[in-house]
Amino acid sequence: MKNLEPLRIFMVERERIRVKKEAGEPRPWTEDMILQHHFFCNLRREDDKVSKWIKINWRDPHENDPDLWFALLVARRGTNHTETLEELGYPVPWDPSKFKTILRDRKARGEKTLNTQAYQLVVPGHKGTQSQLLADIVLSPIWEQRINLRPVENEALASYHARLSKTKNIGPWFSSQIIADLKYTKWLRGARDWWTFVVPGPGSVRGLNRVNGLPWLTSMSTTKQGTRSKGGFWRMIDMTLAEQLQWANEVNQLRQELKLEKVLDAQDMQGCLCEFNRYEAIRLGELRKLRYYY
């Protein structure tokens, strides 16, 4: 690791903000202007607003449900928005008509249905509203396969991820999000790779490259129209470095400074790297679309 100090400073200050906010202290919770005015997720995914809502309202009360994984899919793939989830109610057994009606009515009232634009859905070859595409093209076909997609108690996270991610319209990233919730339940709590499983996204890879001082590169993608350049990607390196970073002495020492009860697991660390990348992109003027914190 070339330079952990900027990452350490970011993590410490982000955690201090969370502690002050939850203690009811008035703004500003930090003198860092970027952290004051821009939205960043918490160090631990479990401390984020939507994760806490899901834990209290769906995950813990329905832990014994073998189809809890599907409810988590609806939460993360369907809306990731607490007010919508509250109105929807626990979605097992699956009722696509109810789902579409609630999302349609919320939109008609001018209310949010999705948490961020990142959850906008485009299904090639299909037209319709977000609620129609989600219910009819994505979620309903998956519900029909539910028996084969149920977790086996205490199976490895990597094994369950491999099964889920092969399912059409779930994919690797949303599969990892389901696992990040489900691993706190009886289904996956005993997985042997509970601490070390991680699915790197492009943001966390960029963050890891920043820590390692690796250069910005442009990746090339091949389409039917030919090869084109895609800016914004970093050199892909072995993501086992996330595990090394997780267990590094610097991070174990950081645990005391952050007053965390546990060392961050690999999924939390990749989230921290992703947020650190965004912080650096804002600081360096690389990011155009910004999510402001009000």
C-alpha atoms as a PDB file:
ATOM      1  CA  MET A   1       0.000   0.000   0.000  1.00  0.00           C
ATOM      2  CA  LYS A   2       1.503   3.324  -1.003  1.00  0.00           C
ATOM      3  CA  ASN A   3      -0.605   5.774   0.973  1.00  0.00           C
ATOM      4  CA  LEU A   4      -3.362   4.884   3.423  1.00  0.00           C
ATOM      5  CA  GLU A   5      -3.373   8.291   5.107  1.00  0.00           C
ATOM      6  CA  PRO A   6      -5.960  10.035   2.863  1.00  0.00           C
ATOM      7  CA  LEU A   7      -8.253   7.016   3.196  1.00  0.00           C
ATOM      8  CA  ARG A   8      -7.746   7.008   6.963  1.00  0.00           C
ATOM      9  CA  ILE A   9      -8.608  10.704   7.232  1.00  0.00           C
ATOM     10  CA  PHE A  10     -11.735  10.241   5.135  1.00  0.00           C
ATOM     11  CA  MET A  11     -12.941   7.224   7.131  1.00  0.00           C
ATOM     12  CA  VAL A  12     -12.340   8.832  10.508  1.00  0.00           C
ATOM     13  CA  GLU A  13     -14.151  12.041   9.562  1.00  0.00           C
ATOM     14  CA  ARG A  14     -17.084  10.225   7.953  1.00  0.00           C
ATOM     15  CA  GLU A  15     -17.586   8.139  11.099  1.00  0.00           C
ATOM     16  CA  ARG A  16     -17.373  11.226  13.318  1.00  0.00           C
ATOM     17  CA  ILE A  17     -20.160  12.791  11.268  1.00  0.00           C
ATOM     18  CA  ARG A  18     -22.378   9.741  11.806  1.00  0.00           C
ATOM     19  CA  VAL A  19     -21.787   9.740  15.564  1.00  0.00           C
ATOM     20  CA  LYS A  20     -22.516  13.466  15.894  1.00  0.00           C
ATOM     21  CA  LYS A  21     -25.628  13.267  13.721  1.00  0.00           C
ATOM     22  CA  GLU A  22     -27.078  10.307  15.605  1.00  0.00           C
ATOM     23  CA  ALA A  23     -26.341  12.068  18.906  1.00  0.00           C
ATOM     24  CA  GLY A  24     -28.568  14.934  17.747  1.00  0.00           C
ATOM     25  CA  GLU A  25     -25.794  17.515  17.504  1.00  0.00           C
ATOM     26  CA  PRO A  26     -26.530  20.483  15.219  1.00  0.00           C
ATOM     27  CA  ARG A  27     -24.859  21.023  11.875  1.00  0.00           C
ATOM     28  CA  PRO A  28     -22.209  21.398  10.689  1.00  0.00           C
ATOM     29  CA  TRP A  29     -20.865  18.065  11.889  1.00  0.00           C
ATOM     30  CA  THR A  30     -17.512  18.632  10.171  1.00  0.00           C
ATOM     31  CA  GLU A  31     -15.270  21.403   8.906  1.00  0.00           C
ATOM     32  CA  ASP A  32     -14.566  19.403   5.747  1.00  0.00           C
ATOM     33  CA  MET A  33     -16.526  21.287   3.072  1.00  0.00           C
ATOM     34  CA  ILE A  34     -16.862  18.264   0.782  1.00  0.00           C
ATOM     35  CA  LEU A  35     -18.317  16.120   3.562  1.00  0.00           C
ATOM     36  CA  GLN A  36     -20.522  19.025   4.656  1.00  0.00           C
ATOM     37  CA  HIS A  37     -22.206  19.475   1.303  1.00  0.00           C
ATOM     38  CA  HIS A  38     -22.103  16.099  -0.456  1.00  0.00           C
ATOM     39  CA  PHE A  39     -23.766  12.791   0.388  1.00  0.00           C
ATOM     40  CA  PHE A  40     -21.578   9.831   1.375  1.00  0.00           C
ATOM     41  CA  CYS A  41     -22.625   6.419   2.658  1.00  0.00           C
ATOM     42  CA  ASN A  42     -21.531   5.312   6.125  1.00  0.00           C
ATOM     43  CA  LEU A  43     -18.481   3.148   6.718  1.00  0.00           C
ATOM     44  CA  ARG A  44     -20.694   0.248   7.724  1.00  0.00           C
ATOM     45  CA  ARG A  45     -23.536  -0.518   5.329  1.00  0.00           C
ATOM     46  CA  GLU A  46     -25.612  -1.541   8.339  1.00  0.00           C
ATOM     47  CA  ASP A  47     -25.564   2.095   9.531  1.00  0.00           C
ATOM     48  CA  ASP A  48     -27.177   3.459   6.366  1.00  0.00           C
ATOM     49  CA  LYS A  49     -30.818   4.577   6.502  1.00  0.00           C
ATOM     50  CA  VAL A  50     -32.271   2.005   4.115  1.00  0.00           C
ATOM     51  CA  SER A  51     -30.274  -0.854   5.649  1.00  0.00           C
ATOM     52  CA  LYS A  52     -31.513   0.009   9.134  1.00  0.00           C
ATOM     53  CA  TRP A  53     -35.107   0.176   7.897  1.00  0.00           C
ATOM     54  CA  ILE A  54     -34.828  -3.194   6.147  1.00  0.00           C
ATOM     55  CA  LYS A  55     -33.273  -4.789   9.239  1.00  0.00           C
ATOM     56  CA  ILE A  56     -36.012  -3.575  11.595  1.00  0.00           C
ATOM     57  CA  ASN A  57     -39.047  -4.023   9.346  1.00  0.00           C
ATOM     58  CA  TRP A  58     -38.282  -6.958   7.057  1.00  0.00           C
ATOM     59  CA  ARG A  59     -35.051  -8.774   7.816  1.00  0.00           C
ATOM     60  CA  ASP A  60     -35.323  -9.460  11.543  1.00  0.00           C
ATOM     61  CA  PRO A  61     -39.095 -10.145  11.727  1.00  0.00           C
ATOM     62  CA  HIS A  62     -38.953 -12.536   8.750  1.00  0.00           C
ATOM     63  CA  GLU A  63     -35.559 -14.172   9.330  1.00  0.00           C
ATOM     64  CA  ASN A  64     -37.018 -17.686   9.186  1.00  0.00           C
ATOM     65  CA  ASP A  65     -38.703 -17.124   5.827  1.00  0.00           C
ATOM     66  CA  PRO A  66     -36.831 -19.132   3.150  1.00  0.00           C
ATOM     67  CA  ASP A  67     -37.914 -16.468   0.638  1.00  0.00           C
ATOM     68  CA  LEU A  68     -36.536 -13.562   2.652  1.00  0.00           C
ATOM     69  CA  TRP A  69     -33.873 -13.300  -0.052  1.00  0.00           C
ATOM     70  CA  PHE A  70     -36.622 -12.378  -2.555  1.00  0.00           C
ATOM     71  CA  ALA A  71     -37.966  -9.652  -0.254  1.00  0.00           C
ATOM     72  CA  LEU A  72     -34.434  -8.256  -0.083  1.00  0.00           C
ATOM     73  CA  LEU A  73     -34.272  -8.362  -3.873  1.00  0.00           C
ATOM     74  CA  VAL A  74     -37.506  -6.346  -4.051  1.00  0.00           C
ATOM     75  CA  ALA A  75     -36.060  -3.882  -1.548  1.00  0.00           C
ATOM     76  CA  ARG A  76     -32.703  -3.401  -3.273  1.00  0.00           C
ATOM     77  CA  ARG A  77     -33.582  -4.006  -6.929  1.00  0.00           C
ATOM     78  CA  GLY A  78     -37.119  -2.703  -6.769  1.00  0.00           C
ATOM     79  CA  THR A  79     -36.942   0.630  -4.955  1.00  0.00           C
ATOM     80  CA  ASN A  80     -34.246   1.007  -2.257  1.00  0.00           C
ATOM     81  CA  HIS A  81     -36.531   3.749  -0.873  1.00  0.00           C
ATOM     82  CA  THR A  82     -37.901   3.416   2.664  1.00  0.00           C
ATOM     83  CA  GLU A  83     -41.216   5.250   2.175  1.00  0.00           C
ATOM     84  CA  THR A  84     -42.047   3.096  -0.846  1.00  0.00           C
ATOM     85  CA  LEU A  85     -41.088  -0.075   1.015  1.00  0.00           C
ATOM     86  CA  GLU A  86     -43.230   0.961   3.973  1.00  0.00           C
ATOM     87  CA  GLU A  87     -46.275   1.417   1.753  1.00  0.00           C
ATOM     88  CA  LEU A  88     -45.571  -1.796  -0.117  1.00  0.00           C
ATOM     89  CA  GLY A  89     -45.277  -3.991   2.961  1.00  0.00           C
ATOM     90  CA  TYR A  90     -43.397  -7.275   3.178  1.00  0.00           C
ATOM     91  CA  PRO A  91     -43.581  -8.563  -0.432  1.00  0.00           C
ATOM     92  CA  VAL A  92     -43.793 -12.320   0.192  1.00  0.00           C
ATOM     93  CA  PRO A  93     -45.865 -13.872  -1.230  1.00  0.00           C
ATOM     94  CA  TRP A  94     -45.238 -11.780  -4.327  1.00  0.00           C
ATOM     95  CA  ASP A  95     -48.103  -9.628  -5.625  1.00  0.00           C
ATOM     96  CA  PRO A  96     -47.009  -7.846  -8.825  1.00  0.00           C
ATOM     97  CA  SER A  97     -50.327  -5.976  -9.178  1.00  0.00           C
ATOM     98  CA  LYS A  98     -49.930  -4.422  -5.729  1.00  0.00           C
ATOM     99  CA  PHE A  99     -46.336  -3.482  -6.496  1.00  0.00           C
ATOM    100  CA  LYS A 100     -47.253  -1.755  -9.757  1.00  0.00           C
ATOM    101  CA  THR A 101     -50.235   0.040  -8.232  1.00  0.00           C
ATOM    102  CA  ILE A 102     -48.258   1.452  -5.318  1.00  0.00           C
ATOM    103  CA  LEU A 103     -45.389   2.674  -7.481  1.00  0.00           C
ATOM    104  CA  ARG A 104     -47.807   4.134 -10.033  1.00  0.00           C
ATOM    105  CA  ASP A 105     -49.854   5.917  -7.348  1.00  0.00           C
ATOM    106  CA  ARG A 106     -46.769   7.325  -5.624  1.00  0.00           C
ATOM    107  CA  LYS A 107     -45.534   8.694  -8.927  1.00  0.00           C
ATOM    108  CA  ALA A 108     -48.960  10.229  -9.639  1.00  0.00           C
ATOM    109  CA  ARG A 109     -48.826  11.968  -6.250  1.00  0.00           C
ATOM    110  CA  GLY A 110     -45.409  13.369  -7.098  1.00  0.00           C
ATOM    111  CA  GLU A 111     -43.676  11.162  -4.515  1.00  0.00           C
ATOM    112  CA  LYS A 112     -40.382   9.325  -4.940  1.00  0.00           C
ATOM    113  CA  THR A 113     -40.410   5.658  -5.813  1.00  0.00           C
ATOM    114  CA  LEU A 114     -36.682   5.017  -6.235  1.00  0.00           C
ATOM    115  CA  ASN A 115     -33.872   6.056  -3.925  1.00  0.00           C
ATOM    116  CA  THR A 116     -31.418   7.151  -6.616  1.00  0.00           C
ATOM    117  CA  GLN A 117     -31.151   7.371 -10.358  1.00  0.00           C
ATOM    118  CA  ALA A 118     -28.740   4.442 -10.151  1.00  0.00           C
ATOM    119  CA  TYR A 119     -31.771   2.208  -9.745  1.00  0.00           C
ATOM    120  CA  GLN A 120     -33.366   3.259 -13.013  1.00  0.00           C
ATOM    121  CA  LEU A 121     -34.084   0.158 -15.056  1.00  0.00           C
ATOM    122  CA  VAL A 122     -33.637  -0.335 -18.776  1.00  0.00           C
ATOM    123  CA  VAL A 123     -34.540  -3.736 -20.223  1.00  0.00           C
ATOM    124  CA  PRO A 124     -33.455  -4.066 -23.874  1.00  0.00           C
ATOM    125  CA  GLY A 125     -36.349  -5.006 -26.130  1.00  0.00           C
ATOM    126  CA  HIS A 126     -39.031  -4.040 -23.605  1.00  0.00           C
ATOM    127  CA  LYS A 127     -40.961  -0.820 -23.131  1.00  0.00           C
ATOM    128  CA  GLY A 128     -43.026   0.317 -20.189  1.00  0.00           C
ATOM    129  CA  THR A 129     -42.902   2.211 -16.932  1.00  0.00           C
ATOM    130  CA  GLN A 130     -40.344   1.439 -14.252  1.00  0.00           C
ATOM    131  CA  SER A 131     -42.969  -0.355 -12.174  1.00  0.00           C
ATOM    132  CA  GLN A 132     -44.113  -2.471 -15.132  1.00  0.00           C
ATOM    133  CA  LEU A 133     -40.592  -3.461 -16.126  1.00  0.00           C
ATOM    134  CA  LEU A 134     -39.602  -4.257 -12.556  1.00  0.00           C
ATOM    135  CA  ALA A 135     -42.725  -6.268 -11.770  1.00  0.00           C
ATOM    136  CA  ASP A 136     -43.327  -8.099 -15.038  1.00  0.00           C
ATOM    137  CA  ILE A 137     -39.894  -8.492 -16.621  1.00  0.00           C
ATOM    138  CA  VAL A 138     -37.583  -8.650 -13.607  1.00  0.00           C
ATOM    139  CA  LEU A 139     -39.249  -9.692 -10.348  1.00  0.00           C
ATOM    140  CA  SER A 140     -42.106 -11.992 -11.394  1.00  0.00           C
ATOM    141  CA  PRO A 141     -39.931 -14.385 -13.463  1.00  0.00           C
ATOM    142  CA  ILE A 142     -37.463 -14.564 -10.567  1.00  0.00           C
ATOM    143  CA  TRP A 143     -40.290 -15.330  -8.132  1.00  0.00           C
ATOM    144  CA  GLU A 144     -41.243 -18.292 -10.301  1.00  0.00           C
ATOM    145  CA  GLN A 145     -37.705 -19.654  -9.828  1.00  0.00           C
ATOM    146  CA  ARG A 146     -37.644 -19.000  -6.080  1.00  0.00           C
ATOM    147  CA  ILE A 147     -37.325 -22.610  -4.905  1.00  0.00           C
ATOM    148  CA  ASN A 148     -34.043 -23.066  -6.767  1.00  0.00           C
ATOM    149  CA  LEU A 149     -32.733 -19.695  -5.588  1.00  0.00           C
ATOM    150  CA  ARG A 150     -33.303 -20.111  -1.871  1.00  0.00           C
ATOM    151  CA  PRO A 151     -30.101 -20.055   0.202  1.00  0.00           C
ATOM    152  CA  VAL A 152     -28.778 -23.213   1.778  1.00  0.00           C
ATOM    153  CA  GLU A 153     -28.186 -22.484   5.438  1.00  0.00           C
ATOM    154  CA  ASN A 154     -24.568 -21.438   6.067  1.00  0.00           C
ATOM    155  CA  GLU A 155     -23.412 -22.007   2.485  1.00  0.00           C
ATOM    156  CA  ALA A 156     -20.447 -19.939   1.379  1.00  0.00           C
ATOM    157  CA  LEU A 157     -21.326 -16.421   0.276  1.00  0.00           C
ATOM    158  CA  ALA A 158     -19.339 -16.934  -2.919  1.00  0.00           C
ATOM    159  CA  SER A 159     -21.338 -20.067  -3.668  1.00  0.00           C
ATOM    160  CA  TYR A 160     -24.683 -18.365  -3.153  1.00  0.00           C
ATOM    161  CA  HIS A 161     -23.524 -15.369  -5.150  1.00  0.00           C
ATOM    162  CA  ALA A 162     -22.598 -17.643  -8.046  1.00  0.00           C
ATOM    163  CA  ARG A 163     -26.124 -19.092  -8.078  1.00  0.00           C
ATOM    164  CA  LEU A 164     -27.922 -15.771  -7.780  1.00  0.00           C
ATOM    165  CA  SER A 165     -25.786 -13.825 -10.223  1.00  0.00           C
ATOM    166  CA  LYS A 166     -26.521 -16.257 -13.048  1.00  0.00           C
ATOM    167  CA  THR A 167     -30.206 -15.389 -12.806  1.00  0.00           C
ATOM    168  CA  LYS A 168     -31.435 -13.060 -15.517  1.00  0.00           C
ATOM    169  CA  ASN A 169     -31.892  -9.448 -14.384  1.00  0.00           C
ATOM    170  CA  ILE A 170     -30.202  -9.901 -11.015  1.00  0.00           C
ATOM    171  CA  GLY A 171     -26.545  -9.937 -11.992  1.00  0.00           C
ATOM    172  CA  PRO A 172     -23.381  -9.813  -9.848  1.00  0.00           C
ATOM    173  CA  TRP A 173     -23.877  -6.416  -8.191  1.00  0.00           C
ATOM    174  CA  PHE A 174     -27.468  -6.834  -7.001  1.00  0.00           C
ATOM    175  CA  SER A 175     -26.664 -10.390  -5.915  1.00  0.00           C
ATOM    176  CA  SER A 176     -23.929  -8.984  -3.692  1.00  0.00           C
ATOM    177  CA  GLN A 177     -26.404  -6.467  -2.244  1.00  0.00           C
ATOM    178  CA  ILE A 178     -28.835  -9.246  -1.312  1.00  0.00           C
ATOM    179  CA  ILE A 179     -25.992 -11.152   0.333  1.00  0.00           C
ATOM    180  CA  ALA A 180     -24.852  -8.064   2.239  1.00  0.00           C
ATOM    181  CA  ASP A 181     -28.274  -8.056   3.939  1.00  0.00           C
ATOM    182  CA  LEU A 182     -28.867 -11.805   4.172  1.00  0.00           C
ATOM    183  CA  LYS A 183     -25.493 -12.594   5.763  1.00  0.00           C
ATOM    184  CA  TYR A 184     -26.774 -11.152   9.053  1.00  0.00           C
ATOM    185  CA  THR A 185     -29.523 -13.797   9.222  1.00  0.00           C
ATOM    186  CA  LYS A 186     -29.519 -17.487  10.083  1.00  0.00           C
ATOM    187  CA  TRP A 187     -29.244 -18.363   6.397  1.00  0.00           C
ATOM    188  CA  LEU A 188     -25.715 -17.077   5.835  1.00  0.00           C
ATOM    189  CA  ARG A 189     -24.461 -16.060   9.270  1.00  0.00           C
ATOM    190  CA  GLY A 190     -22.225 -19.139   9.459  1.00  0.00           C
ATOM    191  CA  ALA A 191     -20.662 -18.787   6.007  1.00  0.00           C
ATOM    192  CA  ARG A 192     -16.936 -19.528   6.062  1.00  0.00           C
ATOM    193  CA  ASP A 193     -16.205 -16.489   3.879  1.00  0.00           C
ATOM    194  CA  TRP A 194     -18.434 -14.083   5.856  1.00  0.00           C
ATOM    195  CA  TRP A 195     -15.552 -11.635   6.471  1.00  0.00           C
ATOM    196  CA  THR A 196     -13.702 -11.965   3.188  1.00  0.00           C
ATOM    197  CA  PHE A 197     -16.370 -12.202   0.457  1.00  0.00           C
ATOM    198  CA  VAL A 198     -16.500  -9.142  -1.785  1.00  0.00           C
ATOM    199  CA  VAL A 199     -17.729  -8.211  -5.259  1.00  0.00           C
ATOM    200  CA  PRO A 200     -15.790  -5.147  -6.409  1.00  0.00           C
ATOM    201  CA  GLY A 201     -17.606  -2.438  -8.278  1.00  0.00           C
ATOM    202  CA  PRO A 202     -15.851   0.076 -10.533  1.00  0.00           C
ATOM    203  CA  GLY A 203     -15.906   2.726  -7.789  1.00  0.00           C
ATOM    204  CA  SER A 204     -14.178   0.504  -5.238  1.00  0.00           C
ATOM    205  CA  VAL A 205     -11.602  -0.577  -7.819  1.00  0.00           C
ATOM    206  CA  ARG A 206     -10.845   3.089  -8.533  1.00  0.00           C
ATOM    207  CA  GLY A 207     -10.576   3.784  -4.819  1.00  0.00           C
ATOM    208  CA  LEU A 208      -8.194   0.885  -4.338  1.00  0.00           C
ATOM    209  CA  ASN A 209      -6.098   2.112  -7.232  1.00  0.00           C
ATOM    210  CA  ARG A 210      -5.967   5.589  -5.692  1.00  0.00           C
ATOM    211  CA  VAL A 211      -4.671   4.106  -2.430  1.00  0.00           C
ATOM    212  CA  ASN A 212      -2.052   2.180  -4.380  1.00  0.00           C
ATOM    213  CA  GLY A 213      -1.038   5.164  -6.492  1.00  0.00           C
ATOM    214  CA  LEU A 214      -1.908   3.410  -9.743  1.00  0.00           C
ATOM    215  CA  PRO A 215      -2.577   5.497 -12.851  1.00  0.00           C
ATOM    216  CA  TRP A 216      -5.850   6.347 -14.506  1.00  0.00           C
ATOM    217  CA  LEU A 217      -6.399   4.245 -17.595  1.00  0.00           C
ATOM    218  CA  THR A 218      -9.031   4.170 -20.310  1.00  0.00           C
ATOM    219  CA  SER A 219     -10.682   0.818 -20.895  1.00  0.00           C
ATOM    220  CA  MET A 220     -11.917  -0.390 -24.253  1.00  0.00           C
ATOM    221  CA  SER A 221     -15.199  -2.192 -24.836  1.00  0.00           C
ATOM    222  CA  THR A 222     -16.288  -4.085 -27.922  1.00  0.00           C
ATOM    223  CA  THR A 223     -19.831  -3.686 -29.237  1.00  0.00           C
ATOM    224  CA  LYS A 224     -21.636  -4.655 -32.430  1.00  0.00           C
ATOM    225  CA  GLN A 225     -20.585  -1.277 -33.783  1.00  0.00           C
ATOM    226  CA  GLY A 226     -16.926  -1.946 -33.036  1.00  0.00           C
ATOM    227  CA  THR A 227     -14.489  -1.021 -30.298  1.00  0.00           C
ATOM    228  CA  ARG A 228     -14.988   2.164 -28.371  1.00  0.00           C
ATOM    229  CA  SER A 229     -13.236   3.963 -25.564  1.00  0.00           C
ATOM    230  CA  LYS A 230     -14.849   4.212 -22.155  1.00  0.00           C
ATOM    231  CA  GLY A 231     -13.347   6.822 -19.858  1.00  0.00           C
ATOM    232  CA  GLY A 232     -13.626   6.660 -16.102  1.00  0.00           C
ATOM    233  CA  PHE A 233     -12.182   3.242 -15.381  1.00  0.00           C
ATOM    234  CA  TRP A 234      -9.036   2.362 -13.478  1.00  0.00           C
ATOM    235  CA  ARG A 235      -6.657  -0.487 -14.071  1.00  0.00           C
ATOM    236  CA  MET A 236      -8.279  -3.623 -12.643  1.00  0.00           C
ATOM    237  CA  ILE A 237      -6.056  -5.216 -10.000  1.00  0.00           C
ATOM    238  CA  ASP A 238      -6.465  -8.290  -7.864  1.00  0.00           C
ATOM    239  CA  MET A 239      -9.279  -7.442  -5.464  1.00  0.00           C
ATOM    240  CA  THR A 240      -7.813  -9.719  -2.817  1.00  0.00           C
ATOM    241  CA  LEU A 241      -6.008  -6.499  -1.934  1.00  0.00           C
ATOM    242  CA  ALA A 242      -9.312  -5.445  -0.356  1.00  0.00           C
ATOM    243  CA  GLU A 243      -8.935  -8.368   2.011  1.00  0.00           C
ATOM    244  CA  GLN A 244      -5.344  -7.400   2.707  1.00  0.00           C
ATOM    245  CA  LEU A 245      -6.450  -3.837   3.354  1.00  0.00           C
ATOM    246  CA  GLN A 246      -9.222  -5.068   5.627  1.00  0.00           C
ATOM    247  CA  TRP A 247      -6.832  -6.956   7.880  1.00  0.00           C
ATOM    248  CA  ALA A 248      -3.869  -4.572   7.609  1.00  0.00           C
ATOM    249  CA  ASN A 249      -2.433  -3.256  10.867  1.00  0.00           C
ATOM    250  CA  GLU A 250      -3.385   0.255   9.828  1.00  0.00           C
ATOM    251  CA  VAL A 251      -7.069  -0.699   9.593  1.00  0.00           C
ATOM    252  CA  ASN A 252      -7.015  -2.699  12.820  1.00  0.00           C
ATOM    253  CA  GLN A 253      -5.549   0.333  14.554  1.00  0.00           C
ATOM    254  CA  LEU A 254      -8.117   2.512  12.831  1.00  0.00           C
ATOM    255  CA  ARG A 255     -10.813   0.425  14.506  1.00  0.00           C
ATOM    256  CA  GLN A 256      -9.864   1.915  17.870  1.00  0.00           C
ATOM    257  CA  GLU A 257      -9.842   5.449  16.499  1.00  0.00           C
ATOM    258  CA  LEU A 258     -13.270   4.924  14.921  1.00  0.00           C
ATOM    259  CA  LYS A 259     -14.580   3.176  18.057  1.00  0.00           C
ATOM    260  CA  LEU A 260     -15.959   0.356  15.897  1.00  0.00           C
ATOM    261  CA  GLU A 261     -16.949  -2.829  17.705  1.00  0.00           C
ATOM    262  CA  LYS A 262     -15.720  -4.987  14.830  1.00  0.00           C
ATOM    263  CA  VAL A 263     -13.177  -4.718  12.064  1.00  0.00           C
ATOM    264  CA  LEU A 264     -14.961  -3.782   8.852  1.00  0.00           C
ATOM    265  CA  ASP A 265     -15.671  -6.797   6.673  1.00  0.00           C
ATOM    266  CA  ALA A 266     -14.564  -6.919   3.052  1.00  0.00           C
ATOM    267  CA  GLN A 267     -17.942  -5.761   1.712  1.00  0.00           C
ATOM    268  CA  ASP A 268     -17.865  -2.728   4.002  1.00  0.00           C
ATOM    269  CA  MET A 269     -14.269  -2.019   3.005  1.00  0.00           C
ATOM    270  CA  GLN A 270     -15.135  -2.035  -0.693  1.00  0.00           C
ATOM    271  CA  GLY A 271     -17.940   0.430   0.120  1.00  0.00           C
ATOM    272  CA  CYS A 272     -15.467   2.673   1.929  1.00  0.00           C
ATOM    273  CA  LEU A 273     -13.113   2.524  -1.040  1.00  0.00           C
ATOM    274  CA  CYS A 274     -15.980   3.461  -3.375  1.00  0.00           C
ATOM    275  CA  GLU A 275     -16.942   6.467  -1.231  1.00  0.00           C
ATOM    276  CA  PHE A 276     -13.296   7.477  -0.871  1.00  0.00           C
ATOM    277  CA  ASN A 277     -12.966   7.401  -4.640  1.00  0.00           C
ATOM    278  CA  ARG A 278     -15.951   9.728  -4.971  1.00  0.00           C
ATOM    279  CA  TYR A 279     -14.523  12.054  -2.320  1.00  0.00           C
ATOM    280  CA  GLU A 280     -11.240  12.273  -4.217  1.00  0.00           C
ATOM    281  CA  ALA A 281     -13.050  12.753  -7.524  1.00  0.00           C
ATOM    282  CA  ILE A 282     -14.936  15.735  -6.068  1.00  0.00           C
ATOM    283  CA  ARG A 283     -11.772  17.140  -4.491  1.00  0.00           C
ATOM    284  CA  LEU A 284      -9.880  16.888  -7.769  1.00  0.00           C
ATOM    285  CA  GLY A 285     -12.748  18.212  -9.908  1.00  0.00           C
ATOM    286  CA  GLU A 286     -13.174  14.935 -11.795  1.00  0.00           C
ATOM    287  CA  LEU A 287     -16.841  14.371 -10.979  1.00  0.00           C
ATOM    288  CA  ARG A 288     -19.586  16.248 -12.827  1.00  0.00           C
ATOM    289  CA  LYS A 289     -22.784  14.766 -11.403  1.00  0.00           C
ATOM    290  CA  LEU A 290     -22.884  15.415  -7.675  1.00  0.00           C
ATOM    291  CA  ARG A 291     -25.339  14.269  -5.003  1.00  0.00           C
ATOM    292  CA  TYR A 292     -25.704  17.079  -2.508  1.00  0.00           C
ATOM    293  CA  TYR A 293     -26.482  16.595   1.176  1.00  0.00           C
ATOM    294  CA  TYR A 294     -29.330  18.732   2.499  1.00  0.00           C
END
